[in-house]
Amino acid sequence: MVDVKIYTTPTCPYCVMAKEFFREKNIDFEEFNVADNHDKAEEMVQKSGQMGVPVIDIEGTIIVGFDMHKVEHALGLDK
C-alpha cells in the first residue's frame, strides 16, 4: 500500500480535484486540513517550502499543486 498524504484547505478547488482523483483510482490517502491544524500547516511548509495547497506527499515525493501527470508518475500509474 502506498503512503499518500494530502494537505488541503476547505475552499481549494485543486484539493477537491486531487481527492476525487485518488478516490477514482481507489488510492487511500490521509488528508490534513491545514486551515484548522497549525501543526500540519507547519509540517506542510517544512516538506514543501510552500504555503499553497494542495501539497501531496507520496512516499516522500512532494508535489505542490495538483499535477495529475506528476501524481501518476509518483504512484507508478504512468507505465
PDB file of N, CA and C in Angstrom:
ATOM      1  N   MET A   1       0.845  -1.190   0.000  1.00  0.00           N
ATOM      2  CA  MET A   1       0.000   0.000   0.000  1.00  0.00           C
ATOM      3  C   MET A   1       0.885   1.246   0.000  1.00  0.00           C
ATOM      4  N   VAL A   2       0.536   2.200  -0.824  1.00  0.00           N
ATOM      5  CA  VAL A   2       1.302   3.432  -0.960  1.00  0.00           C
ATOM      6  C   VAL A   2       0.859   4.420   0.120  1.00  0.00           C
ATOM      7  N   ASP A   3       1.850   5.100   0.706  1.00  0.00           N
ATOM      8  CA  ASP A   3       1.560   6.104   1.735  1.00  0.00           C
ATOM      9  C   ASP A   3       1.334   7.453   1.050  1.00  0.00           C
ATOM     10  N   VAL A   4       0.085   7.925   1.067  1.00  0.00           N
ATOM     11  CA  VAL A   4      -0.277   9.185   0.420  1.00  0.00           C
ATOM     12  C   VAL A   4      -0.876  10.119   1.462  1.00  0.00           C
ATOM     13  N   LYS A   5      -0.291  11.318   1.545  1.00  0.00           N
ATOM     14  CA  LYS A   5      -0.822  12.360   2.423  1.00  0.00           C
ATOM     15  C   LYS A   5      -1.132  13.565   1.549  1.00  0.00           C
ATOM     16  N   ILE A   6      -2.231  14.257   1.866  1.00  0.00           N
ATOM     17  CA  ILE A   6      -2.574  15.471   1.127  1.00  0.00           C
ATOM     18  C   ILE A   6      -2.939  16.557   2.129  1.00  0.00           C
ATOM     19  N   TYR A   7      -2.297  17.686   1.958  1.00  0.00           N
ATOM     20  CA  TYR A   7      -2.524  18.856   2.806  1.00  0.00           C
ATOM     21  C   TYR A   7      -3.458  19.780   2.038  1.00  0.00           C
ATOM     22  N   THR A   8      -4.579  20.131   2.659  1.00  0.00           N
ATOM     23  CA  THR A   8      -5.648  20.835   1.950  1.00  0.00           C
ATOM     24  C   THR A   8      -6.211  21.988   2.769  1.00  0.00           C
ATOM     25  N   THR A   9      -7.088  22.754   2.107  1.00  0.00           N
ATOM     26  CA  THR A   9      -7.987  23.692   2.780  1.00  0.00           C
ATOM     27  C   THR A   9      -9.383  23.440   2.211  1.00  0.00           C
ATOM     28  N   PRO A  10     -10.419  23.804   2.955  1.00  0.00           N
ATOM     29  CA  PRO A  10     -11.789  23.517   2.502  1.00  0.00           C
ATOM     30  C   PRO A  10     -12.199  24.243   1.219  1.00  0.00           C
ATOM     31  N   THR A  11     -11.583  25.383   0.923  1.00  0.00           N
ATOM     32  CA  THR A  11     -12.018  26.193  -0.220  1.00  0.00           C
ATOM     33  C   THR A  11     -11.165  25.990  -1.465  1.00  0.00           C
ATOM     34  N   CYS A  12     -10.246  25.040  -1.448  1.00  0.00           N
ATOM     35  CA  CYS A  12      -9.300  24.843  -2.544  1.00  0.00           C
ATOM     36  C   CYS A  12      -9.878  23.903  -3.610  1.00  0.00           C
ATOM     37  N   PRO A  13     -10.169  24.411  -4.814  1.00  0.00           N
ATOM     38  CA  PRO A  13     -10.734  23.543  -5.850  1.00  0.00           C
ATOM     39  C   PRO A  13      -9.753  22.469  -6.324  1.00  0.00           C
ATOM     40  N   TYR A  14      -8.453  22.760  -6.317  1.00  0.00           N
ATOM     41  CA  TYR A  14      -7.466  21.765  -6.741  1.00  0.00           C
ATOM     42  C   TYR A  14      -7.335  20.651  -5.716  1.00  0.00           C
ATOM     43  N   CYS A  15      -7.586  20.968  -4.465  1.00  0.00           N
ATOM     44  CA  CYS A  15      -7.605  19.938  -3.420  1.00  0.00           C
ATOM     45  C   CYS A  15      -8.750  18.963  -3.678  1.00  0.00           C
ATOM     46  N   VAL A  16      -9.899  19.500  -4.025  1.00  0.00           N
ATOM     47  CA  VAL A  16     -11.065  18.667  -4.334  1.00  0.00           C
ATOM     48  C   VAL A  16     -10.752  17.771  -5.536  1.00  0.00           C
ATOM     49  N   MET A  17     -10.131  18.337  -6.564  1.00  0.00           N
ATOM     50  CA  MET A  17      -9.786  17.552  -7.752  1.00  0.00           C
ATOM     51  C   MET A  17      -8.804  16.435  -7.401  1.00  0.00           C
ATOM     52  N   ALA A  18      -7.825  16.731  -6.573  1.00  0.00           N
ATOM     53  CA  ALA A  18      -6.839  15.718  -6.186  1.00  0.00           C
ATOM     54  C   ALA A  18      -7.507  14.591  -5.407  1.00  0.00           C
ATOM     55  N   LYS A  19      -8.368  14.938  -4.466  1.00  0.00           N
ATOM     56  CA  LYS A  19      -9.051  13.913  -3.676  1.00  0.00           C
ATOM     57  C   LYS A  19      -9.967  13.064  -4.556  1.00  0.00           C
ATOM     58  N   GLU A  20     -10.652  13.687  -5.505  1.00  0.00           N
ATOM     59  CA  GLU A  20     -11.504  12.935  -6.434  1.00  0.00           C
ATOM     60  C   GLU A  20     -10.667  11.973  -7.274  1.00  0.00           C
ATOM     61  N   PHE A  21      -9.495  12.432  -7.719  1.00  0.00           N
ATOM     62  CA  PHE A  21      -8.590  11.575  -8.486  1.00  0.00           C
ATOM     63  C   PHE A  21      -8.212  10.337  -7.673  1.00  0.00           C
ATOM     64  N   PHE A  22      -7.792  10.536  -6.418  1.00  0.00           N
ATOM     65  CA  PHE A  22      -7.396   9.400  -5.578  1.00  0.00           C
ATOM     66  C   PHE A  22      -8.571   8.449  -5.356  1.00  0.00           C
ATOM     67  N   ARG A  23      -9.754   9.002  -5.135  1.00  0.00           N
ATOM     68  CA  ARG A  23     -10.930   8.143  -4.932  1.00  0.00           C
ATOM     69  C   ARG A  23     -11.252   7.336  -6.195  1.00  0.00           C
ATOM     70  N   GLU A  24     -11.189   7.994  -7.361  1.00  0.00           N
ATOM     71  CA  GLU A  24     -11.469   7.302  -8.628  1.00  0.00           C
ATOM     72  C   GLU A  24     -10.482   6.157  -8.865  1.00  0.00           C
ATOM     73  N   LYS A  25      -9.244   6.330  -8.433  1.00  0.00           N
ATOM     74  CA  LYS A  25      -8.203   5.319  -8.624  1.00  0.00           C
ATOM     75  C   LYS A  25      -8.133   4.338  -7.447  1.00  0.00           C
ATOM     76  N   ASN A  26      -9.062   4.493  -6.483  1.00  0.00           N
ATOM     77  CA  ASN A  26      -9.097   3.631  -5.289  1.00  0.00           C
ATOM     78  C   ASN A  26      -7.788   3.667  -4.517  1.00  0.00           C
ATOM     79  N   ILE A  27      -7.237   4.872  -4.370  1.00  0.00           N
ATOM     80  CA  ILE A  27      -5.991   5.062  -3.630  1.00  0.00           C
ATOM     81  C   ILE A  27      -6.337   5.707  -2.290  1.00  0.00           C
ATOM     82  N   ASP A  28      -5.998   4.998  -1.220  1.00  0.00           N
ATOM     83  CA  ASP A  28      -6.232   5.544   0.114  1.00  0.00           C
ATOM     84  C   ASP A  28      -5.288   6.706   0.358  1.00  0.00           C
ATOM     85  N   PHE A  29      -5.791   7.714   1.057  1.00  0.00           N
ATOM     86  CA  PHE A  29      -4.957   8.862   1.394  1.00  0.00           C
ATOM     87  C   PHE A  29      -5.358   9.395   2.753  1.00  0.00           C
ATOM     88  N   GLU A  30      -4.411  10.064   3.373  1.00  0.00           N
ATOM     89  CA  GLU A  30      -4.653  10.727   4.644  1.00  0.00           C
ATOM     90  C   GLU A  30      -4.691  12.224   4.359  1.00  0.00           C
ATOM     91  N   GLU A  31      -5.764  12.871   4.775  1.00  0.00           N
ATOM     92  CA  GLU A  31      -5.954  14.298   4.494  1.00  0.00           C
ATOM     93  C   GLU A  31      -5.742  15.116   5.756  1.00  0.00           C
ATOM     94  N   PHE A  32      -5.044  16.240   5.593  1.00  0.00           N
ATOM     95  CA  PHE A  32      -4.835  17.183   6.685  1.00  0.00           C
ATOM     96  C   PHE A  32      -5.345  18.552   6.249  1.00  0.00           C
ATOM     97  N   ASN A  33      -6.317  19.078   6.991  1.00  0.00           N
ATOM     98  CA  ASN A  33      -6.852  20.405   6.722  1.00  0.00           C
ATOM     99  C   ASN A  33      -5.948  21.422   7.420  1.00  0.00           C
ATOM    100  N   VAL A  34      -5.100  22.079   6.643  1.00  0.00           N
ATOM    101  CA  VAL A  34      -4.129  23.000   7.226  1.00  0.00           C
ATOM    102  C   VAL A  34      -4.755  24.325   7.655  1.00  0.00           C
ATOM    103  N   ALA A  35      -6.004  24.558   7.273  1.00  0.00           N
ATOM    104  CA  ALA A  35      -6.701  25.754   7.744  1.00  0.00           C
ATOM    105  C   ALA A  35      -7.049  25.622   9.223  1.00  0.00           C
ATOM    106  N   ASP A  36      -7.258  24.381   9.667  1.00  0.00           N
ATOM    107  CA  ASP A  36      -7.649  24.116  11.062  1.00  0.00           C
ATOM    108  C   ASP A  36      -6.526  23.546  11.916  1.00  0.00           C
ATOM    109  N   ASN A  37      -5.456  23.082  11.291  1.00  0.00           N
ATOM    110  CA  ASN A  37      -4.419  22.378  12.028  1.00  0.00           C
ATOM    111  C   ASN A  37      -3.069  23.065  11.799  1.00  0.00           C
ATOM    112  N   HIS A  38      -2.693  23.911  12.750  1.00  0.00           N
ATOM    113  CA  HIS A  38      -1.464  24.702  12.634  1.00  0.00           C
ATOM    114  C   HIS A  38      -0.223  23.804  12.549  1.00  0.00           C
ATOM    115  N   ASP A  39      -0.199  22.729  13.329  1.00  0.00           N
ATOM    116  CA  ASP A  39       0.953  21.827  13.308  1.00  0.00           C
ATOM    117  C   ASP A  39       1.139  21.195  11.932  1.00  0.00           C
ATOM    118  N   LYS A  40       0.036  20.778  11.308  1.00  0.00           N
ATOM    119  CA  LYS A  40       0.117  20.180   9.977  1.00  0.00           C
ATOM    120  C   LYS A  40       0.467  21.234   8.924  1.00  0.00           C
ATOM    121  N   ALA A  41       0.029  22.476   9.139  1.00  0.00           N
ATOM    122  CA  ALA A  41       0.403  23.562   8.222  1.00  0.00           C
ATOM    123  C   ALA A  41       1.917  23.775   8.272  1.00  0.00           C
ATOM    124  N   GLU A  42       2.484  23.760   9.465  1.00  0.00           N
ATOM    125  CA  GLU A  42       3.939  23.899   9.603  1.00  0.00           C
ATOM    126  C   GLU A  42       4.660  22.716   8.966  1.00  0.00           C
ATOM    127  N   GLU A  43       4.131  21.517   9.170  1.00  0.00           N
ATOM    128  CA  GLU A  43       4.715  20.314   8.572  1.00  0.00           C
ATOM    129  C   GLU A  43       4.711  20.426   7.053  1.00  0.00           C
ATOM    130  N   MET A  44       3.603  20.916   6.496  1.00  0.00           N
ATOM    131  CA  MET A  44       3.476  21.081   5.055  1.00  0.00           C
ATOM    132  C   MET A  44       4.540  22.038   4.522  1.00  0.00           C
ATOM    133  N   VAL A  45       4.730  23.166   5.200  1.00  0.00           N
ATOM    134  CA  VAL A  45       5.717  24.152   4.761  1.00  0.00           C
ATOM    135  C   VAL A  45       7.130  23.578   4.874  1.00  0.00           C
ATOM    136  N   GLN A  46       7.390  22.819   5.940  1.00  0.00           N
ATOM    137  CA  GLN A  46       8.695  22.180   6.090  1.00  0.00           C
ATOM    138  C   GLN A  46       8.975  21.223   4.935  1.00  0.00           C
ATOM    139  N   LYS A  47       7.973  20.461   4.541  1.00  0.00           N
ATOM    140  CA  LYS A  47       8.145  19.473   3.468  1.00  0.00           C
ATOM    141  C   LYS A  47       8.295  20.130   2.102  1.00  0.00           C
ATOM    142  N   SER A  48       7.506  21.184   1.856  1.00  0.00           N
ATOM    143  CA  SER A  48       7.390  21.720   0.502  1.00  0.00           C
ATOM    144  C   SER A  48       8.048  23.084   0.300  1.00  0.00           C
ATOM    145  N   GLY A  49       8.244  23.816   1.388  1.00  0.00           N
ATOM    146  CA  GLY A  49       8.731  25.182   1.250  1.00  0.00           C
ATOM    147  C   GLY A  49       7.667  26.126   0.717  1.00  0.00           C
ATOM    148  N   GLN A  50       6.417  25.661   0.685  1.00  0.00           N
ATOM    149  CA  GLN A  50       5.318  26.420   0.087  1.00  0.00           C
ATOM    150  C   GLN A  50       4.163  26.584   1.075  1.00  0.00           C
ATOM    151  N   MET A  51       3.413  27.664   0.877  1.00  0.00           N
ATOM    152  CA  MET A  51       2.192  27.884   1.657  1.00  0.00           C
ATOM    153  C   MET A  51       0.947  27.446   0.886  1.00  0.00           C
ATOM    154  N   GLY A  52       1.077  27.259  -0.424  1.00  0.00           N
ATOM    155  CA  GLY A  52      -0.077  26.920  -1.256  1.00  0.00           C
ATOM    156  C   GLY A  52      -0.480  25.469  -1.101  1.00  0.00           C
ATOM    157  N   VAL A  53      -1.751  25.216  -1.350  1.00  0.00           N
ATOM    158  CA  VAL A  53      -2.291  23.862  -1.294  1.00  0.00           C
ATOM    159  C   VAL A  53      -2.875  23.509  -2.663  1.00  0.00           C
ATOM    160  N   PRO A  54      -3.033  22.264  -2.980  1.00  0.00           N
ATOM    161  CA  PRO A  54      -2.653  21.127  -2.159  1.00  0.00           C
ATOM    162  C   PRO A  54      -1.155  20.861  -2.207  1.00  0.00           C
ATOM    163  N   VAL A  55      -0.672  20.247  -1.138  1.00  0.00           N
ATOM    164  CA  VAL A  55       0.653  19.645  -1.144  1.00  0.00           C
ATOM    165  C   VAL A  55       0.408  18.155  -0.968  1.00  0.00           C
ATOM    166  N   ILE A  56       0.935  17.382  -1.895  1.00  0.00           N
ATOM    167  CA  ILE A  56       0.724  15.938  -1.906  1.00  0.00           C
ATOM    168  C   ILE A  56       2.059  15.260  -1.624  1.00  0.00           C
ATOM    169  N   ASP A  57       2.047  14.366  -0.651  1.00  0.00           N
ATOM    170  CA  ASP A  57       3.235  13.611  -0.259  1.00  0.00           C
ATOM    171  C   ASP A  57       2.965  12.135  -0.576  1.00  0.00           C
ATOM    172  N   ILE A  58       3.659  11.628  -1.599  1.00  0.00           N
ATOM    173  CA  ILE A  58       3.510  10.229  -1.991  1.00  0.00           C
ATOM    174  C   ILE A  58       4.835   9.536  -1.706  1.00  0.00           C
ATOM    175  N   GLU A  59       4.860   8.787  -0.608  1.00  0.00           N
ATOM    176  CA  GLU A  59       6.071   8.058  -0.216  1.00  0.00           C
ATOM    177  C   GLU A  59       7.287   8.983  -0.162  1.00  0.00           C
ATOM    178  N   GLY A  60       7.086  10.238   0.296  1.00  0.00           N
ATOM    179  CA  GLY A  60       8.189  11.180   0.412  1.00  0.00           C
ATOM    180  C   GLY A  60       8.419  12.044  -0.810  1.00  0.00           C
ATOM    181  N   THR A  61       7.755  11.743  -1.915  1.00  0.00           N
ATOM    182  CA  THR A  61       7.814  12.610  -3.099  1.00  0.00           C
ATOM    183  C   THR A  61       6.797  13.720  -2.896  1.00  0.00           C
ATOM    184  N   ILE A  62       7.261  14.969  -2.910  1.00  0.00           N
ATOM    185  CA  ILE A  62       6.396  16.113  -2.633  1.00  0.00           C
ATOM    186  C   ILE A  62       5.975  16.762  -3.947  1.00  0.00           C
ATOM    187  N   ILE A  63       4.671  16.920  -4.103  1.00  0.00           N
ATOM    188  CA  ILE A  63       4.101  17.568  -5.285  1.00  0.00           C
ATOM    189  C   ILE A  63       3.262  18.740  -4.794  1.00  0.00           C
ATOM    190  N   VAL A  64       3.614  19.937  -5.255  1.00  0.00           N
ATOM    191  CA  VAL A  64       2.865  21.142  -4.885  1.00  0.00           C
ATOM    192  C   VAL A  64       1.860  21.414  -5.983  1.00  0.00           C
ATOM    193  N   GLY A  65       0.592  21.529  -5.586  1.00  0.00           N
ATOM    194  CA  GLY A  65      -0.476  21.690  -6.565  1.00  0.00           C
ATOM    195  C   GLY A  65      -0.931  20.330  -7.051  1.00  0.00           C
ATOM    196  N   PHE A  66      -1.991  20.315  -7.833  1.00  0.00           N
ATOM    197  CA  PHE A  66      -2.466  19.051  -8.377  1.00  0.00           C
ATOM    198  C   PHE A  66      -2.006  18.933  -9.819  1.00  0.00           C
ATOM    199  N   ASP A  67      -0.882  18.262 -10.010  1.00  0.00           N
ATOM    200  CA  ASP A  67      -0.349  17.966 -11.337  1.00  0.00           C
ATOM    201  C   ASP A  67      -0.570  16.473 -11.557  1.00  0.00           C
ATOM    202  N   MET A  68      -1.620  16.136 -12.295  1.00  0.00           N
ATOM    203  CA  MET A  68      -2.029  14.746 -12.440  1.00  0.00           C
ATOM    204  C   MET A  68      -0.898  13.877 -12.985  1.00  0.00           C
ATOM    205  N   HIS A  69      -0.108  14.394 -13.928  1.00  0.00           N
ATOM    206  CA  HIS A  69       0.973  13.596 -14.508  1.00  0.00           C
ATOM    207  C   HIS A  69       2.050  13.290 -13.465  1.00  0.00           C
ATOM    208  N   LYS A  70       2.392  14.271 -12.639  1.00  0.00           N
ATOM    209  CA  LYS A  70       3.381  14.031 -11.579  1.00  0.00           C
ATOM    210  C   LYS A  70       2.840  13.048 -10.546  1.00  0.00           C
ATOM    211  N   VAL A  71       1.560  13.181 -10.223  1.00  0.00           N
ATOM    212  CA  VAL A  71       0.932  12.273  -9.265  1.00  0.00           C
ATOM    213  C   VAL A  71       0.925  10.849  -9.828  1.00  0.00           C
ATOM    214  N   GLU A  72       0.515  10.702 -11.077  1.00  0.00           N
ATOM    215  CA  GLU A  72       0.502   9.373 -11.709  1.00  0.00           C
ATOM    216  C   GLU A  72       1.903   8.768 -11.732  1.00  0.00           C
ATOM    217  N   HIS A  73       2.898   9.580 -12.042  1.00  0.00           N
ATOM    218  CA  HIS A  73       4.278   9.094 -12.074  1.00  0.00           C
ATOM    219  C   HIS A  73       4.726   8.629 -10.686  1.00  0.00           C
ATOM    220  N   ALA A  74       4.442   9.437  -9.658  1.00  0.00           N
ATOM    221  CA  ALA A  74       4.838   9.099  -8.291  1.00  0.00           C
ATOM    222  C   ALA A  74       4.147   7.819  -7.820  1.00  0.00           C
ATOM    223  N   LEU A  75       2.943   7.573  -8.326  1.00  0.00           N
ATOM    224  CA  LEU A  75       2.199   6.370  -7.960  1.00  0.00           C
ATOM    225  C   LEU A  75       2.537   5.165  -8.841  1.00  0.00           C
ATOM    226  N   GLY A  76       3.322   5.400  -9.895  1.00  0.00           N
ATOM    227  CA  GLY A  76       3.666   4.324 -10.812  1.00  0.00           C
ATOM    228  C   GLY A  76       2.537   3.964 -11.759  1.00  0.00           C
ATOM    229  N   LEU A  77       1.638   4.896 -11.991  1.00  0.00           N
ATOM    230  CA  LEU A  77       0.486   4.639 -12.864  1.00  0.00           C
ATOM    231  C   LEU A  77       0.742   5.021 -14.318  1.00  0.00           C
ATOM    232  N   ASP A  78       1.898   5.582 -14.594  1.00  0.00           N
ATOM    233  CA  ASP A  78       2.190   6.078 -15.947  1.00  0.00           C
ATOM    234  C   ASP A  78       2.955   5.063 -16.785  1.00  0.00           C
ATOM    235  N   LYS A  79       2.994   3.838 -16.333  1.00  0.00           N
ATOM    236  CA  LYS A  79       3.772   2.816 -17.047  1.00  0.00           C
ATOM    237  C   LYS A  79       2.951   2.174 -18.147  1.00  0.00           C
TER     238      LYS A  79
END
